[in-house]
Amino acid sequence: MDPPHVLIVEDTAMCAKLLRMTLSKFNCSSTCVENGQLAVDLLRQSPLDTFQLCLMDLRMPIMDGLEATRIVKTELHHLSVPIIAMTAETGESIQADCAKIGFDGFRSKPLKRAALKEALREYTGYCAD
């Protein structure tokens, strides 16, 4: 299986850089945008199979990850890219909100190497070394 191309939606430059570096070590390519609006626009313009996974921060300026995911799941429902929520919030209510909106998974930040490796395996079938 070829390594997946991952969309990172993260407004904190250092977090985005760490994710990109870790994905690169797993031989995965990535594209990074700073907010949900840019993610929605990119997904609208990209061919269907461009991204195999989306890592979506929840709290960002312009458009947060909750709204962006709602739009993707309701208006761009032809896309099959799994969207994983990433947040430092760990309460049951935020996880329930994410599930209701249609996120495919939920991971706590900071996203550790092992958790990222597991998400790649679980949502794309890719086994990173």
C-alpha atoms as a PDB file:
ATOM      1  CA  MET A   1       0.000   0.000   0.000  1.00  0.00           C
ATOM      2  CA  ASP A   2       1.251   3.457  -0.855  1.00  0.00           C
ATOM      3  CA  PRO A   3       1.670   5.912   2.020  1.00  0.00           C
ATOM      4  CA  PRO A   4      -1.369   8.178   2.417  1.00  0.00           C
ATOM      5  CA  HIS A   5      -1.514  11.892   1.679  1.00  0.00           C
ATOM      6  CA  VAL A   6      -2.799  13.638   4.813  1.00  0.00           C
ATOM      7  CA  LEU A   7      -4.556  17.003   5.121  1.00  0.00           C
ATOM      8  CA  ILE A   8      -3.490  18.766   8.320  1.00  0.00           C
ATOM      9  CA  VAL A   9      -5.816  21.551   9.479  1.00  0.00           C
ATOM     10  CA  GLU A  10      -3.971  23.290  12.312  1.00  0.00           C
ATOM     11  CA  ASP A  11      -3.501  26.978  13.142  1.00  0.00           C
ATOM     12  CA  THR A  12      -0.523  26.555  15.478  1.00  0.00           C
ATOM     13  CA  ALA A  13       2.593  26.499  13.325  1.00  0.00           C
ATOM     14  CA  MET A  14       4.641  24.387  15.740  1.00  0.00           C
ATOM     15  CA  CYS A  15       1.919  21.713  16.030  1.00  0.00           C
ATOM     16  CA  ALA A  16       1.565  21.605  12.246  1.00  0.00           C
ATOM     17  CA  LYS A  17       5.330  21.327  11.811  1.00  0.00           C
ATOM     18  CA  LEU A  18       5.565  18.441  14.289  1.00  0.00           C
ATOM     19  CA  LEU A  19       2.738  16.583  12.557  1.00  0.00           C
ATOM     20  CA  ARG A  20       4.338  17.087   9.140  1.00  0.00           C
ATOM     21  CA  MET A  21       7.722  15.904  10.427  1.00  0.00           C
ATOM     22  CA  THR A  22       6.234  12.787  12.007  1.00  0.00           C
ATOM     23  CA  LEU A  23       4.194  11.986   8.908  1.00  0.00           C
ATOM     24  CA  SER A  24       7.316  12.428   6.813  1.00  0.00           C
ATOM     25  CA  LYS A  25       9.144   9.901   9.010  1.00  0.00           C
ATOM     26  CA  PHE A  26       6.289   7.503   8.224  1.00  0.00           C
ATOM     27  CA  ASN A  27       6.870   8.225   4.487  1.00  0.00           C
ATOM     28  CA  CYS A  28       3.515  10.017   4.284  1.00  0.00           C
ATOM     29  CA  SER A  29       3.028  13.252   2.379  1.00  0.00           C
ATOM     30  CA  SER A  30       0.913  16.074   3.764  1.00  0.00           C
ATOM     31  CA  THR A  31      -0.695  19.391   2.972  1.00  0.00           C
ATOM     32  CA  CYS A  32      -1.277  21.884   5.759  1.00  0.00           C
ATOM     33  CA  VAL A  33      -3.802  24.723   6.038  1.00  0.00           C
ATOM     34  CA  GLU A  34      -4.378  27.086   8.970  1.00  0.00           C
ATOM     35  CA  ASN A  35      -8.169  27.082   9.348  1.00  0.00           C
ATOM     36  CA  GLY A  36     -11.372  25.264   8.529  1.00  0.00           C
ATOM     37  CA  GLN A  37     -12.381  27.599   5.705  1.00  0.00           C
ATOM     38  CA  LEU A  38      -9.142  26.892   3.851  1.00  0.00           C
ATOM     39  CA  ALA A  39      -9.689  23.165   4.405  1.00  0.00           C
ATOM     40  CA  VAL A  40     -13.240  23.281   3.024  1.00  0.00           C
ATOM     41  CA  ASP A  41     -12.084  25.316   0.018  1.00  0.00           C
ATOM     42  CA  LEU A  42      -9.204  22.916  -0.652  1.00  0.00           C
ATOM     43  CA  LEU A  43     -11.435  19.846  -0.373  1.00  0.00           C
ATOM     44  CA  ARG A  44     -13.975  21.426  -2.739  1.00  0.00           C
ATOM     45  CA  GLN A  45     -11.279  22.068  -5.350  1.00  0.00           C
ATOM     46  CA  SER A  46      -9.302  18.819  -5.051  1.00  0.00           C
ATOM     47  CA  PRO A  47      -9.917  15.583  -6.943  1.00  0.00           C
ATOM     48  CA  LEU A  48     -11.781  12.989  -4.866  1.00  0.00           C
ATOM     49  CA  ASP A  49      -8.814  10.798  -3.969  1.00  0.00           C
ATOM     50  CA  THR A  50      -6.349  13.567  -3.120  1.00  0.00           C
ATOM     51  CA  PHE A  51      -6.419  12.991   0.647  1.00  0.00           C
ATOM     52  CA  GLN A  52      -6.712   9.693   2.475  1.00  0.00           C
ATOM     53  CA  LEU A  53      -6.942  11.244   5.959  1.00  0.00           C
ATOM     54  CA  CYS A  54      -7.671  14.648   7.499  1.00  0.00           C
ATOM     55  CA  LEU A  55      -6.348  15.689  10.915  1.00  0.00           C
ATOM     56  CA  MET A  56      -8.603  18.550  12.039  1.00  0.00           C
ATOM     57  CA  ASP A  57      -7.886  20.870  14.951  1.00  0.00           C
ATOM     58  CA  LEU A  58     -11.108  22.009  16.612  1.00  0.00           C
ATOM     59  CA  ARG A  59     -10.284  25.530  17.758  1.00  0.00           C
ATOM     60  CA  MET A  60      -9.079  27.840  14.984  1.00  0.00           C
ATOM     61  CA  PRO A  61      -9.804  31.374  13.797  1.00  0.00           C
ATOM     62  CA  ILE A  62     -12.010  32.156  10.768  1.00  0.00           C
ATOM     63  CA  MET A  63     -13.715  28.733  10.802  1.00  0.00           C
ATOM     64  CA  ASP A  64     -13.233  26.122  13.501  1.00  0.00           C
ATOM     65  CA  GLY A  65     -12.892  22.412  12.912  1.00  0.00           C
ATOM     66  CA  LEU A  66     -16.418  21.655  14.097  1.00  0.00           C
ATOM     67  CA  GLU A  67     -18.011  23.883  11.450  1.00  0.00           C
ATOM     68  CA  ALA A  68     -15.581  22.773   8.742  1.00  0.00           C
ATOM     69  CA  THR A  69     -16.339  19.123   9.404  1.00  0.00           C
ATOM     70  CA  ARG A  70     -20.086  19.786   9.468  1.00  0.00           C
ATOM     71  CA  ILE A  71     -19.790  21.370   6.008  1.00  0.00           C
ATOM     72  CA  VAL A  72     -17.654  18.541   4.636  1.00  0.00           C
ATOM     73  CA  LYS A  73     -20.013  15.862   5.975  1.00  0.00           C
ATOM     74  CA  THR A  74     -23.231  17.575   4.814  1.00  0.00           C
ATOM     75  CA  GLU A  75     -22.287  19.514   1.678  1.00  0.00           C
ATOM     76  CA  LEU A  76     -19.305  17.511   0.433  1.00  0.00           C
ATOM     77  CA  HIS A  77     -20.706  14.127   1.415  1.00  0.00           C
ATOM     78  CA  HIS A  78     -19.293  12.591  -1.792  1.00  0.00           C
ATOM     79  CA  LEU A  79     -15.857  12.769  -0.151  1.00  0.00           C
ATOM     80  CA  SER A  80     -14.856   9.680   1.758  1.00  0.00           C
ATOM     81  CA  VAL A  81     -11.828  11.120   3.549  1.00  0.00           C
ATOM     82  CA  PRO A  82     -11.885  10.204   7.253  1.00  0.00           C
ATOM     83  CA  ILE A  83     -11.695  13.281   9.505  1.00  0.00           C
ATOM     84  CA  ILE A  84     -10.020  12.936  12.894  1.00  0.00           C
ATOM     85  CA  ALA A  85     -10.647  15.585  15.543  1.00  0.00           C
ATOM     86  CA  MET A  86      -7.520  16.827  17.318  1.00  0.00           C
ATOM     87  CA  THR A  87      -7.932  18.824  20.492  1.00  0.00           C
ATOM     88  CA  ALA A  88      -6.544  19.357  23.961  1.00  0.00           C
ATOM     89  CA  GLU A  89     -10.142  19.155  25.220  1.00  0.00           C
ATOM     90  CA  THR A  90     -10.837  15.647  26.447  1.00  0.00           C
ATOM     91  CA  GLY A  91     -14.265  15.849  28.066  1.00  0.00           C
ATOM     92  CA  GLU A  92     -17.107  13.557  27.109  1.00  0.00           C
ATOM     93  CA  SER A  93     -19.225  16.464  25.853  1.00  0.00           C
ATOM     94  CA  ILE A  94     -16.693  17.538  23.208  1.00  0.00           C
ATOM     95  CA  GLN A  95     -16.281  13.934  22.094  1.00  0.00           C
ATOM     96  CA  ALA A  96     -20.071  13.613  21.848  1.00  0.00           C
ATOM     97  CA  ASP A  97     -20.262  16.858  19.845  1.00  0.00           C
ATOM     98  CA  CYS A  98     -17.597  15.543  17.460  1.00  0.00           C
ATOM     99  CA  ALA A  99     -19.433  12.246  17.001  1.00  0.00           C
ATOM    100  CA  LYS A 100     -22.730  14.053  16.357  1.00  0.00           C
ATOM    101  CA  ILE A 101     -21.150  16.280  13.689  1.00  0.00           C
ATOM    102  CA  GLY A 102     -19.665  13.268  11.938  1.00  0.00           C
ATOM    103  CA  PHE A 103     -15.978  13.122  12.824  1.00  0.00           C
ATOM    104  CA  ASP A 104     -14.630   9.661  12.137  1.00  0.00           C
ATOM    105  CA  GLY A 105     -12.321   9.704  15.148  1.00  0.00           C
ATOM    106  CA  PHE A 106     -11.033  11.713  18.068  1.00  0.00           C
ATOM    107  CA  ARG A 107      -7.440  12.119  19.270  1.00  0.00           C
ATOM    108  CA  SER A 108      -6.059  14.202  22.115  1.00  0.00           C
ATOM    109  CA  LYS A 109      -3.363  16.801  21.505  1.00  0.00           C
ATOM    110  CA  PRO A 110      -0.517  16.759  21.478  1.00  0.00           C
ATOM    111  CA  LEU A 111      -0.822  13.848  19.084  1.00  0.00           C
ATOM    112  CA  LYS A 112       1.928  11.430  20.010  1.00  0.00           C
ATOM    113  CA  ARG A 113       3.842   9.413  17.445  1.00  0.00           C
ATOM    114  CA  ALA A 114       2.183   6.135  18.474  1.00  0.00           C
ATOM    115  CA  ALA A 115      -1.315   7.667  18.293  1.00  0.00           C
ATOM    116  CA  LEU A 116      -0.609   9.049  14.823  1.00  0.00           C
ATOM    117  CA  LYS A 117       0.743   5.696  13.678  1.00  0.00           C
ATOM    118  CA  GLU A 118      -2.375   3.980  15.012  1.00  0.00           C
ATOM    119  CA  ALA A 119      -4.679   6.520  13.305  1.00  0.00           C
ATOM    120  CA  LEU A 120      -2.919   5.910   9.979  1.00  0.00           C
ATOM    121  CA  ARG A 121      -3.415   2.179  10.372  1.00  0.00           C
ATOM    122  CA  GLU A 122      -7.013   2.425  11.585  1.00  0.00           C
ATOM    123  CA  TYR A 123      -8.320   4.944   9.053  1.00  0.00           C
ATOM    124  CA  THR A 124      -6.187   4.302   5.961  1.00  0.00           C
ATOM    125  CA  GLY A 125      -4.896   0.756   6.425  1.00  0.00           C
ATOM    126  CA  TYR A 126      -1.326   2.038   6.155  1.00  0.00           C
ATOM    127  CA  CYS A 127       1.179   0.386   8.492  1.00  0.00           C
ATOM    128  CA  ALA A 128       3.919   2.897   9.199  1.00  0.00           C
ATOM    129  CA  ASP A 129       7.348   1.732  10.308  1.00  0.00           C
END
